Amino acid sequence: MRQVQVVPYKDQWPNLFLEEAVRIREVFGEEVIDIHHIGSTAVPGLAAKPIIDIMPVVRDIMQVDQYDRQMAAIGYEGKGEFGIPGRRYFRKGGDNRSHHVHVFQQGDKGVTRHLAFRDYLRSHPDIARKYGAKKRELAGQFPTDMEAYINGKSQLVQEIEQMALAWHQNIRLQS
């Protein structure tokens, strides 16, 4: 049974991302355009589950499945789309997950959504604190029920995402 663990921000998370990004870039080679650190571990000061979320952006999502064996060789379990059309998902660490990889094709709205959410929280520490407090509260309330934890924060995540996308669009219009 997976434990719901939310911990204070760790300064080593960006380095853990960078180390893993090197391995993932070696696997995907020329197919990968960019690799982003996303999720709560990418927001300085934000409490998070200690799992590094990584988002490679690729030229052609249909080519990603051919890399399942190489991803397995560096410890990842390929899960296909795993409920999100247009994404390829990999996880590392079994029940004690250490990394999640969310692969999207360049131009997919998932790329914009993840980066806007991350950048909004980085630029709005008050919202990040509110989000972190909610996650800590839910982890305490549902220490062994990941589904209840996720459901408990879904409304706040949707609200933040809407604000983040509007903020991101506004920034793009200004530049």
N, C-alpha and C. Protein backbone atom coordinates (compact mmCIF):
# COMPACT_ATOMS: atom_id res chain seq x y z
N MET A 1 0.84 -1.19 0.00
CA MET A 1 0.00 0.00 0.00
C MET A 1 0.88 1.25 0.00
N ARG A 2 0.60 2.14 -0.91
CA ARG A 2 1.37 3.38 -1.00
C ARG A 2 0.94 4.36 0.08
N GLN A 3 1.93 4.95 0.72
CA GLN A 3 1.69 5.98 1.72
C GLN A 3 1.60 7.33 1.02
N VAL A 4 0.73 8.19 1.53
CA VAL A 4 0.65 9.56 1.05
C VAL A 4 1.59 10.36 1.93
N GLN A 5 2.70 10.77 1.36
CA GLN A 5 3.72 11.49 2.12
C GLN A 5 3.96 12.84 1.47
N VAL A 6 3.72 13.90 2.21
CA VAL A 6 4.01 15.26 1.76
C VAL A 6 5.06 15.82 2.71
N VAL A 7 6.17 16.26 2.13
CA VAL A 7 7.31 16.71 2.93
C VAL A 7 7.65 18.16 2.58
N PRO A 8 8.37 18.85 3.47
CA PRO A 8 8.83 20.20 3.13
C PRO A 8 9.74 20.16 1.90
N TYR A 9 9.81 21.29 1.20
CA TYR A 9 10.66 21.42 0.02
C TYR A 9 12.11 21.01 0.35
N LYS A 10 12.73 20.28 -0.57
CA LYS A 10 14.12 19.85 -0.41
C LYS A 10 14.99 20.52 -1.48
N ASP A 11 16.08 21.13 -1.04
CA ASP A 11 16.97 21.83 -1.97
C ASP A 11 17.59 20.92 -3.02
N GLN A 12 17.64 19.60 -2.77
CA GLN A 12 18.27 18.70 -3.73
C GLN A 12 17.35 18.32 -4.90
N TRP A 13 16.05 18.66 -4.84
CA TRP A 13 15.14 18.25 -5.91
C TRP A 13 15.55 18.75 -7.29
N PRO A 14 15.97 20.00 -7.45
CA PRO A 14 16.40 20.42 -8.80
C PRO A 14 17.58 19.59 -9.33
N ASN A 15 18.52 19.24 -8.45
CA ASN A 15 19.65 18.42 -8.90
C ASN A 15 19.22 17.00 -9.25
N LEU A 16 18.29 16.44 -8.49
CA LEU A 16 17.76 15.11 -8.83
C LEU A 16 17.08 15.14 -10.20
N PHE A 17 16.38 16.23 -10.48
CA PHE A 17 15.78 16.39 -11.81
C PHE A 17 16.87 16.43 -12.88
N LEU A 18 17.89 17.27 -12.69
CA LEU A 18 18.94 17.41 -13.70
C LEU A 18 19.65 16.09 -13.98
N GLU A 19 19.94 15.33 -12.93
CA GLU A 19 20.59 14.03 -13.10
C GLU A 19 19.74 13.09 -13.94
N GLU A 20 18.46 13.07 -13.66
CA GLU A 20 17.57 12.17 -14.38
C GLU A 20 17.32 12.66 -15.80
N ALA A 21 17.26 13.96 -15.98
CA ALA A 21 17.06 14.53 -17.33
C ALA A 21 18.17 14.10 -18.27
N VAL A 22 19.40 14.00 -17.76
CA VAL A 22 20.53 13.54 -18.59
C VAL A 22 20.27 12.12 -19.08
N ARG A 23 19.84 11.25 -18.18
CA ARG A 23 19.56 9.85 -18.55
C ARG A 23 18.43 9.77 -19.58
N ILE A 24 17.38 10.55 -19.36
CA ILE A 24 16.23 10.52 -20.26
C ILE A 24 16.61 11.07 -21.63
N ARG A 25 17.41 12.12 -21.65
CA ARG A 25 17.86 12.69 -22.94
C ARG A 25 18.68 11.65 -23.71
N GLU A 26 19.49 10.87 -23.00
CA GLU A 26 20.26 9.81 -23.65
C GLU A 26 19.36 8.76 -24.27
N VAL A 27 18.25 8.44 -23.61
CA VAL A 27 17.31 7.46 -24.15
C VAL A 27 16.64 7.99 -25.40
N PHE A 28 16.07 9.19 -25.34
CA PHE A 28 15.26 9.70 -26.45
C PHE A 28 16.07 10.37 -27.55
N GLY A 29 17.29 10.75 -27.26
CA GLY A 29 18.17 11.32 -28.28
C GLY A 29 17.54 12.49 -29.03
N GLU A 30 17.59 12.43 -30.34
CA GLU A 30 17.12 13.53 -31.19
C GLU A 30 15.61 13.72 -31.14
N GLU A 31 14.89 12.73 -30.63
CA GLU A 31 13.43 12.84 -30.55
C GLU A 31 13.00 13.91 -29.54
N VAL A 32 13.82 14.11 -28.50
CA VAL A 32 13.45 15.05 -27.44
C VAL A 32 13.88 16.47 -27.82
N ILE A 33 12.97 17.40 -27.61
CA ILE A 33 13.22 18.82 -27.89
C ILE A 33 13.68 19.53 -26.62
N ASP A 34 13.00 19.21 -25.52
CA ASP A 34 13.32 19.85 -24.25
C ASP A 34 12.85 18.94 -23.11
N ILE A 35 13.39 19.14 -21.92
CA ILE A 35 12.96 18.38 -20.74
C ILE A 35 12.77 19.38 -19.61
N HIS A 36 11.57 19.37 -19.02
CA HIS A 36 11.21 20.32 -17.97
C HIS A 36 10.98 19.62 -16.63
N HIS A 37 11.37 20.30 -15.57
CA HIS A 37 11.03 19.88 -14.21
C HIS A 37 9.67 20.50 -13.91
N ILE A 38 8.68 19.66 -13.63
CA ILE A 38 7.32 20.13 -13.37
C ILE A 38 6.86 19.60 -12.02
N GLY A 39 5.63 19.94 -11.68
CA GLY A 39 5.07 19.45 -10.43
C GLY A 39 5.59 20.23 -9.23
N SER A 40 5.17 19.82 -8.07
CA SER A 40 5.47 20.55 -6.85
C SER A 40 6.95 20.59 -6.50
N THR A 41 7.70 19.54 -6.86
CA THR A 41 9.13 19.55 -6.54
C THR A 41 9.89 20.59 -7.37
N ALA A 42 9.22 21.18 -8.37
CA ALA A 42 9.84 22.20 -9.23
C ALA A 42 9.55 23.61 -8.73
N VAL A 43 8.85 23.72 -7.59
CA VAL A 43 8.47 25.03 -7.05
C VAL A 43 9.19 25.23 -5.73
N PRO A 44 10.24 26.07 -5.71
CA PRO A 44 10.99 26.29 -4.47
C PRO A 44 10.06 26.68 -3.31
N GLY A 45 10.27 26.00 -2.17
CA GLY A 45 9.50 26.29 -0.97
C GLY A 45 8.19 25.54 -0.83
N LEU A 46 7.75 24.85 -1.89
CA LEU A 46 6.45 24.18 -1.86
C LEU A 46 6.58 22.77 -1.28
N ALA A 47 5.75 22.45 -0.30
CA ALA A 47 5.68 21.08 0.23
C ALA A 47 5.21 20.16 -0.90
N ALA A 48 5.73 18.94 -0.92
CA ALA A 48 5.41 18.05 -2.03
C ALA A 48 5.57 16.59 -1.64
N LYS A 49 4.93 15.72 -2.42
CA LYS A 49 5.29 14.32 -2.35
C LYS A 49 6.71 14.26 -2.92
N PRO A 50 7.62 13.49 -2.32
CA PRO A 50 9.01 13.49 -2.77
C PRO A 50 9.22 12.66 -4.04
N ILE A 51 8.50 13.05 -5.09
CA ILE A 51 8.58 12.39 -6.39
C ILE A 51 8.89 13.47 -7.42
N ILE A 52 9.96 13.27 -8.17
CA ILE A 52 10.37 14.24 -9.18
C ILE A 52 9.54 14.02 -10.44
N ASP A 53 8.78 15.05 -10.84
CA ASP A 53 7.99 14.99 -12.08
C ASP A 53 8.80 15.63 -13.19
N ILE A 54 8.91 14.89 -14.29
CA ILE A 54 9.73 15.30 -15.42
C ILE A 54 8.86 15.28 -16.68
N MET A 55 8.99 16.33 -17.50
CA MET A 55 8.20 16.41 -18.73
C MET A 55 9.11 16.58 -19.95
N PRO A 56 9.45 15.47 -20.60
CA PRO A 56 10.13 15.60 -21.89
C PRO A 56 9.11 16.03 -22.96
N VAL A 57 9.53 16.95 -23.81
CA VAL A 57 8.73 17.38 -24.95
C VAL A 57 9.41 16.80 -26.18
N VAL A 58 8.64 16.05 -26.97
CA VAL A 58 9.21 15.33 -28.11
C VAL A 58 8.63 15.81 -29.44
N ARG A 59 9.31 15.45 -30.50
CA ARG A 59 8.87 15.82 -31.84
C ARG A 59 7.61 15.06 -32.24
N ASP A 60 7.56 13.74 -31.94
CA ASP A 60 6.45 12.90 -32.38
C ASP A 60 6.11 11.90 -31.28
N ILE A 61 4.97 12.10 -30.65
CA ILE A 61 4.56 11.23 -29.53
C ILE A 61 4.42 9.77 -29.96
N MET A 62 4.12 9.54 -31.24
CA MET A 62 3.95 8.17 -31.73
C MET A 62 5.28 7.39 -31.75
N GLN A 63 6.39 8.09 -31.68
CA GLN A 63 7.70 7.42 -31.67
C GLN A 63 8.12 6.99 -30.26
N VAL A 64 7.45 7.51 -29.24
CA VAL A 64 7.90 7.30 -27.86
C VAL A 64 7.81 5.84 -27.43
N ASP A 65 6.80 5.11 -27.88
CA ASP A 65 6.63 3.72 -27.45
C ASP A 65 7.84 2.84 -27.80
N GLN A 66 8.56 3.21 -28.84
CA GLN A 66 9.72 2.40 -29.22
C GLN A 66 10.87 2.51 -28.21
N TYR A 67 10.76 3.43 -27.26
CA TYR A 67 11.80 3.62 -26.26
C TYR A 67 11.47 2.93 -24.92
N ASP A 68 10.38 2.19 -24.87
CA ASP A 68 9.98 1.55 -23.60
C ASP A 68 11.09 0.67 -23.03
N ARG A 69 11.76 -0.08 -23.88
CA ARG A 69 12.80 -1.00 -23.41
C ARG A 69 13.99 -0.22 -22.83
N GLN A 70 14.39 0.87 -23.49
CA GLN A 70 15.50 1.67 -22.97
C GLN A 70 15.10 2.37 -21.67
N MET A 71 13.85 2.82 -21.57
CA MET A 71 13.39 3.44 -20.32
C MET A 71 13.39 2.40 -19.20
N ALA A 72 12.98 1.16 -19.51
CA ALA A 72 13.01 0.08 -18.51
C ALA A 72 14.44 -0.17 -18.03
N ALA A 73 15.40 -0.04 -18.94
CA ALA A 73 16.80 -0.28 -18.60
C ALA A 73 17.33 0.74 -17.59
N ILE A 74 16.71 1.94 -17.53
CA ILE A 74 17.13 2.93 -16.52
C ILE A 74 16.12 3.01 -15.37
N GLY A 75 15.27 1.96 -15.28
CA GLY A 75 14.43 1.81 -14.10
C GLY A 75 12.98 2.22 -14.22
N TYR A 76 12.51 2.55 -15.42
CA TYR A 76 11.15 3.04 -15.58
C TYR A 76 10.19 1.98 -16.10
N GLU A 77 8.99 2.03 -15.56
CA GLU A 77 7.88 1.19 -16.02
C GLU A 77 7.02 2.05 -16.94
N GLY A 78 6.88 1.63 -18.19
CA GLY A 78 6.05 2.34 -19.15
C GLY A 78 4.58 2.02 -18.93
N LYS A 79 3.73 3.04 -18.91
CA LYS A 79 2.30 2.85 -18.65
C LYS A 79 1.44 3.36 -19.82
N GLY A 80 2.06 3.69 -20.96
CA GLY A 80 1.29 4.20 -22.08
C GLY A 80 0.69 5.56 -21.78
N GLU A 81 -0.51 5.80 -22.29
CA GLU A 81 -1.16 7.10 -22.06
C GLU A 81 -1.59 7.26 -20.60
N PHE A 82 -1.95 6.18 -19.96
CA PHE A 82 -2.33 6.14 -18.54
C PHE A 82 -3.39 7.21 -18.22
N GLY A 83 -4.45 7.22 -19.04
CA GLY A 83 -5.61 8.08 -18.77
C GLY A 83 -5.56 9.47 -19.36
N ILE A 84 -4.46 9.84 -19.99
CA ILE A 84 -4.37 11.17 -20.60
C ILE A 84 -3.99 11.01 -22.06
N PRO A 85 -4.96 11.18 -22.96
CA PRO A 85 -4.67 11.02 -24.39
C PRO A 85 -3.55 11.97 -24.84
N GLY A 86 -2.65 11.43 -25.65
CA GLY A 86 -1.55 12.23 -26.17
C GLY A 86 -0.32 12.27 -25.28
N ARG A 87 -0.39 11.62 -24.13
CA ARG A 87 0.75 11.58 -23.20
C ARG A 87 1.31 10.15 -23.18
N ARG A 88 2.59 10.04 -22.86
CA ARG A 88 3.18 8.75 -22.50
C ARG A 88 3.74 8.93 -21.10
N TYR A 89 3.41 7.97 -20.23
CA TYR A 89 3.74 8.07 -18.81
C TYR A 89 4.65 6.93 -18.40
N PHE A 90 5.67 7.26 -17.63
CA PHE A 90 6.59 6.29 -17.07
C PHE A 90 6.75 6.60 -15.58
N ARG A 91 6.93 5.54 -14.79
CA ARG A 91 7.18 5.77 -13.37
C ARG A 91 8.33 4.88 -12.91
N LYS A 92 9.03 5.37 -11.90
CA LYS A 92 10.23 4.70 -11.39
C LYS A 92 10.08 4.51 -9.89
N GLY A 93 10.43 3.33 -9.42
CA GLY A 93 10.46 3.10 -7.98
C GLY A 93 9.35 2.24 -7.43
N GLY A 94 8.48 1.69 -8.28
CA GLY A 94 7.39 0.83 -7.79
C GLY A 94 6.51 1.56 -6.79
N ASP A 95 6.23 0.92 -5.64
CA ASP A 95 5.37 1.54 -4.62
C ASP A 95 6.08 2.69 -3.90
N ASN A 96 7.41 2.74 -3.99
CA ASN A 96 8.17 3.84 -3.40
C ASN A 96 8.69 4.73 -4.53
N ARG A 97 7.77 5.28 -5.27
CA ARG A 97 8.12 6.03 -6.48
C ARG A 97 9.06 7.17 -6.18
N SER A 98 10.01 7.34 -7.11
CA SER A 98 10.96 8.44 -7.00
C SER A 98 10.79 9.44 -8.14
N HIS A 99 10.32 8.96 -9.31
CA HIS A 99 10.20 9.81 -10.49
C HIS A 99 8.96 9.43 -11.29
N HIS A 100 8.33 10.45 -11.85
CA HIS A 100 7.26 10.28 -12.84
C HIS A 100 7.70 11.03 -14.09
N VAL A 101 7.54 10.41 -15.24
CA VAL A 101 7.88 11.06 -16.51
C VAL A 101 6.61 11.16 -17.34
N HIS A 102 6.29 12.38 -17.74
CA HIS A 102 5.10 12.68 -18.54
C HIS A 102 5.60 13.21 -19.88
N VAL A 103 5.52 12.40 -20.93
CA VAL A 103 6.04 12.80 -22.24
C VAL A 103 4.88 13.36 -23.07
N PHE A 104 5.10 14.55 -23.63
CA PHE A 104 4.11 15.16 -24.52
C PHE A 104 4.80 15.58 -25.82
N GLN A 105 4.01 15.63 -26.87
CA GLN A 105 4.51 16.13 -28.15
C GLN A 105 4.51 17.65 -28.13
N GLN A 106 5.50 18.24 -28.79
CA GLN A 106 5.57 19.69 -28.92
C GLN A 106 4.22 20.21 -29.43
N GLY A 107 3.72 21.27 -28.78
CA GLY A 107 2.44 21.86 -29.18
C GLY A 107 1.23 21.30 -28.44
N ASP A 108 1.39 20.21 -27.71
CA ASP A 108 0.27 19.64 -26.95
C ASP A 108 -0.12 20.61 -25.83
N LYS A 109 -1.42 20.72 -25.59
CA LYS A 109 -1.88 21.63 -24.53
C LYS A 109 -1.39 21.20 -23.15
N GLY A 110 -1.04 19.93 -22.98
CA GLY A 110 -0.49 19.46 -21.71
C GLY A 110 0.81 20.15 -21.36
N VAL A 111 1.61 20.48 -22.36
CA VAL A 111 2.87 21.17 -22.12
C VAL A 111 2.59 22.54 -21.52
N THR A 112 1.72 23.29 -22.17
CA THR A 112 1.37 24.63 -21.69
C THR A 112 0.77 24.57 -20.30
N ARG A 113 -0.12 23.62 -20.07
CA ARG A 113 -0.81 23.50 -18.78
C ARG A 113 0.18 23.25 -17.65
N HIS A 114 1.10 22.31 -17.85
CA HIS A 114 2.08 22.00 -16.80
C HIS A 114 3.03 23.16 -16.54
N LEU A 115 3.51 23.79 -17.59
CA LEU A 115 4.46 24.89 -17.40
C LEU A 115 3.78 26.11 -16.80
N ALA A 116 2.54 26.40 -17.22
CA ALA A 116 1.82 27.54 -16.65
C ALA A 116 1.57 27.32 -15.16
N PHE A 117 1.16 26.12 -14.78
CA PHE A 117 0.90 25.80 -13.38
C PHE A 117 2.17 25.98 -12.55
N ARG A 118 3.26 25.41 -13.02
CA ARG A 118 4.54 25.51 -12.31
C ARG A 118 4.98 26.98 -12.18
N ASP A 119 4.96 27.68 -13.29
CA ASP A 119 5.46 29.06 -13.29
C ASP A 119 4.56 29.99 -12.48
N TYR A 120 3.26 29.73 -12.50
CA TYR A 120 2.33 30.53 -11.70
C TYR A 120 2.64 30.36 -10.21
N LEU A 121 2.83 29.11 -9.77
CA LEU A 121 3.15 28.87 -8.36
C LEU A 121 4.50 29.48 -7.99
N ARG A 122 5.46 29.42 -8.90
CA ARG A 122 6.77 30.03 -8.63
C ARG A 122 6.64 31.55 -8.46
N SER A 123 5.73 32.15 -9.20
CA SER A 123 5.56 33.61 -9.19
C SER A 123 4.54 34.10 -8.16
N HIS A 124 3.81 33.18 -7.55
CA HIS A 124 2.76 33.54 -6.58
C HIS A 124 2.94 32.70 -5.31
N PRO A 125 3.91 33.06 -4.47
CA PRO A 125 4.21 32.25 -3.29
C PRO A 125 3.03 32.12 -2.32
N ASP A 126 2.14 33.10 -2.29
CA ASP A 126 0.96 33.00 -1.42
C ASP A 126 0.06 31.84 -1.86
N ILE A 127 -0.13 31.70 -3.16
CA ILE A 127 -0.94 30.60 -3.69
C ILE A 127 -0.21 29.27 -3.47
N ALA A 128 1.09 29.27 -3.67
CA ALA A 128 1.88 28.06 -3.43
C ALA A 128 1.76 27.61 -1.97
N ARG A 129 1.81 28.57 -1.04
CA ARG A 129 1.66 28.22 0.39
C ARG A 129 0.28 27.62 0.67
N LYS A 130 -0.76 28.21 0.08
CA LYS A 130 -2.12 27.69 0.26
C LYS A 130 -2.21 26.26 -0.29
N TYR A 131 -1.63 26.04 -1.44
CA TYR A 131 -1.64 24.72 -2.06
C TYR A 131 -0.86 23.72 -1.20
N GLY A 132 0.30 24.12 -0.71
CA GLY A 132 1.10 23.25 0.15
C GLY A 132 0.38 22.90 1.43
N ALA A 133 -0.31 23.87 2.02
CA ALA A 133 -1.07 23.61 3.26
C ALA A 133 -2.19 22.61 3.01
N LYS A 134 -2.86 22.74 1.87
CA LYS A 134 -3.94 21.81 1.53
C LYS A 134 -3.38 20.40 1.36
N LYS A 135 -2.24 20.28 0.71
CA LYS A 135 -1.64 18.97 0.50
C LYS A 135 -1.23 18.34 1.83
N ARG A 136 -0.63 19.14 2.72
CA ARG A 136 -0.23 18.60 4.03
C ARG A 136 -1.47 18.15 4.83
N GLU A 137 -2.52 18.97 4.79
CA GLU A 137 -3.76 18.63 5.49
C GLU A 137 -4.32 17.30 4.97
N LEU A 138 -4.39 17.16 3.66
CA LEU A 138 -4.96 15.94 3.06
C LEU A 138 -4.09 14.71 3.31
N ALA A 139 -2.76 14.89 3.29
CA ALA A 139 -1.87 13.76 3.57
C ALA A 139 -2.06 13.28 5.01
N GLY A 140 -2.30 14.21 5.93
CA GLY A 140 -2.59 13.84 7.31
C GLY A 140 -3.93 13.16 7.46
N GLN A 141 -4.89 13.61 6.67
CA GLN A 141 -6.25 13.07 6.74
C GLN A 141 -6.35 11.70 6.05
N PHE A 142 -5.59 11.50 4.97
CA PHE A 142 -5.67 10.27 4.16
C PHE A 142 -4.28 9.65 3.96
N PRO A 143 -3.61 9.22 5.04
CA PRO A 143 -2.22 8.77 4.92
C PRO A 143 -2.01 7.52 4.07
N THR A 144 -3.07 6.74 3.84
CA THR A 144 -2.92 5.51 3.04
C THR A 144 -3.93 5.45 1.90
N ASP A 145 -4.54 6.58 1.56
CA ASP A 145 -5.56 6.59 0.51
C ASP A 145 -5.21 7.65 -0.54
N MET A 146 -4.36 7.25 -1.50
CA MET A 146 -3.90 8.17 -2.53
C MET A 146 -5.06 8.76 -3.33
N GLU A 147 -6.06 7.95 -3.61
CA GLU A 147 -7.20 8.44 -4.39
C GLU A 147 -7.95 9.55 -3.65
N ALA A 148 -8.17 9.37 -2.34
CA ALA A 148 -8.85 10.40 -1.55
C ALA A 148 -7.99 11.67 -1.46
N TYR A 149 -6.68 11.50 -1.35
CA TYR A 149 -5.76 12.64 -1.34
C TYR A 149 -5.89 13.44 -2.64
N ILE A 150 -5.83 12.73 -3.76
CA ILE A 150 -5.91 13.39 -5.08
C ILE A 150 -7.28 14.05 -5.26
N ASN A 151 -8.33 13.34 -4.90
CA ASN A 151 -9.69 13.92 -5.03
C ASN A 151 -9.85 15.14 -4.13
N GLY A 152 -9.25 15.10 -2.95
CA GLY A 152 -9.38 16.20 -2.00
C GLY A 152 -8.74 17.49 -2.48
N LYS A 153 -7.73 17.38 -3.31
CA LYS A 153 -7.06 18.59 -3.79
C LYS A 153 -7.48 18.98 -5.20
N SER A 154 -8.32 18.19 -5.83
CA SER A 154 -8.63 18.42 -7.25
C SER A 154 -9.32 19.76 -7.51
N GLN A 155 -10.23 20.19 -6.64
CA GLN A 155 -10.89 21.47 -6.87
C GLN A 155 -9.90 22.63 -6.79
N LEU A 156 -9.02 22.61 -5.79
CA LEU A 156 -8.02 23.67 -5.67
C LEU A 156 -7.06 23.64 -6.86
N VAL A 157 -6.66 22.45 -7.28
CA VAL A 157 -5.77 22.33 -8.44
C VAL A 157 -6.44 22.94 -9.67
N GLN A 158 -7.73 22.65 -9.88
CA GLN A 158 -8.43 23.21 -11.04
C GLN A 158 -8.52 24.73 -10.96
N GLU A 159 -8.76 25.25 -9.76
CA GLU A 159 -8.82 26.72 -9.60
C GLU A 159 -7.46 27.35 -9.90
N ILE A 160 -6.40 26.75 -9.37
CA ILE A 160 -5.06 27.28 -9.62
C ILE A 160 -4.72 27.17 -11.10
N GLU A 161 -5.09 26.05 -11.70
CA GLU A 161 -4.80 25.86 -13.13
C GLU A 161 -5.49 26.92 -13.98
N GLN A 162 -6.73 27.23 -13.67
CA GLN A 162 -7.45 28.27 -14.43
C GLN A 162 -6.76 29.62 -14.29
N MET A 163 -6.38 29.97 -13.06
CA MET A 163 -5.67 31.24 -12.84
C MET A 163 -4.32 31.22 -13.55
N ALA A 164 -3.63 30.08 -13.50
CA ALA A 164 -2.31 29.96 -14.12
C ALA A 164 -2.39 30.11 -15.63
N LEU A 165 -3.39 29.49 -16.25
CA LEU A 165 -3.51 29.58 -17.71
C LEU A 165 -3.86 31.00 -18.14
N ALA A 166 -4.72 31.68 -17.40
CA ALA A 166 -5.05 33.08 -17.71
C ALA A 166 -3.82 33.95 -17.53
N TRP A 167 -3.08 33.74 -16.45
CA TRP A 167 -1.85 34.49 -16.18
C TRP A 167 -0.83 34.25 -17.29
N HIS A 168 -0.67 32.99 -17.67
CA HIS A 168 0.30 32.61 -18.72
C HIS A 168 -0.07 33.27 -20.05
N GLN A 169 -1.36 33.25 -20.39
CA GLN A 169 -1.82 33.85 -21.63
C GLN A 169 -1.57 35.36 -21.61
N ASN A 170 -1.82 35.99 -20.49
CA ASN A 170 -1.59 37.43 -20.33
C ASN A 170 -0.12 37.78 -20.52
N ILE A 171 0.77 36.96 -19.95
CA ILE A 171 2.21 37.18 -20.10
C ILE A 171 2.60 37.04 -21.57
N ARG A 172 2.06 36.04 -22.24
CA ARG A 172 2.39 35.84 -23.66
C ARG A 172 1.91 37.02 -24.50
N LEU A 173 0.76 37.57 -24.16
CA LEU A 173 0.24 38.71 -24.91
C LEU A 173 1.09 39.95 -24.70
N GLN A 174 1.69 40.08 -23.54
CA GLN A 174 2.51 41.25 -23.21
C GLN A 174 3.89 41.18 -23.83
N SER A 175 4.35 39.98 -24.19
CA SER A 175 5.72 39.86 -24.72
C SER A 175 5.76 39.86 -26.24
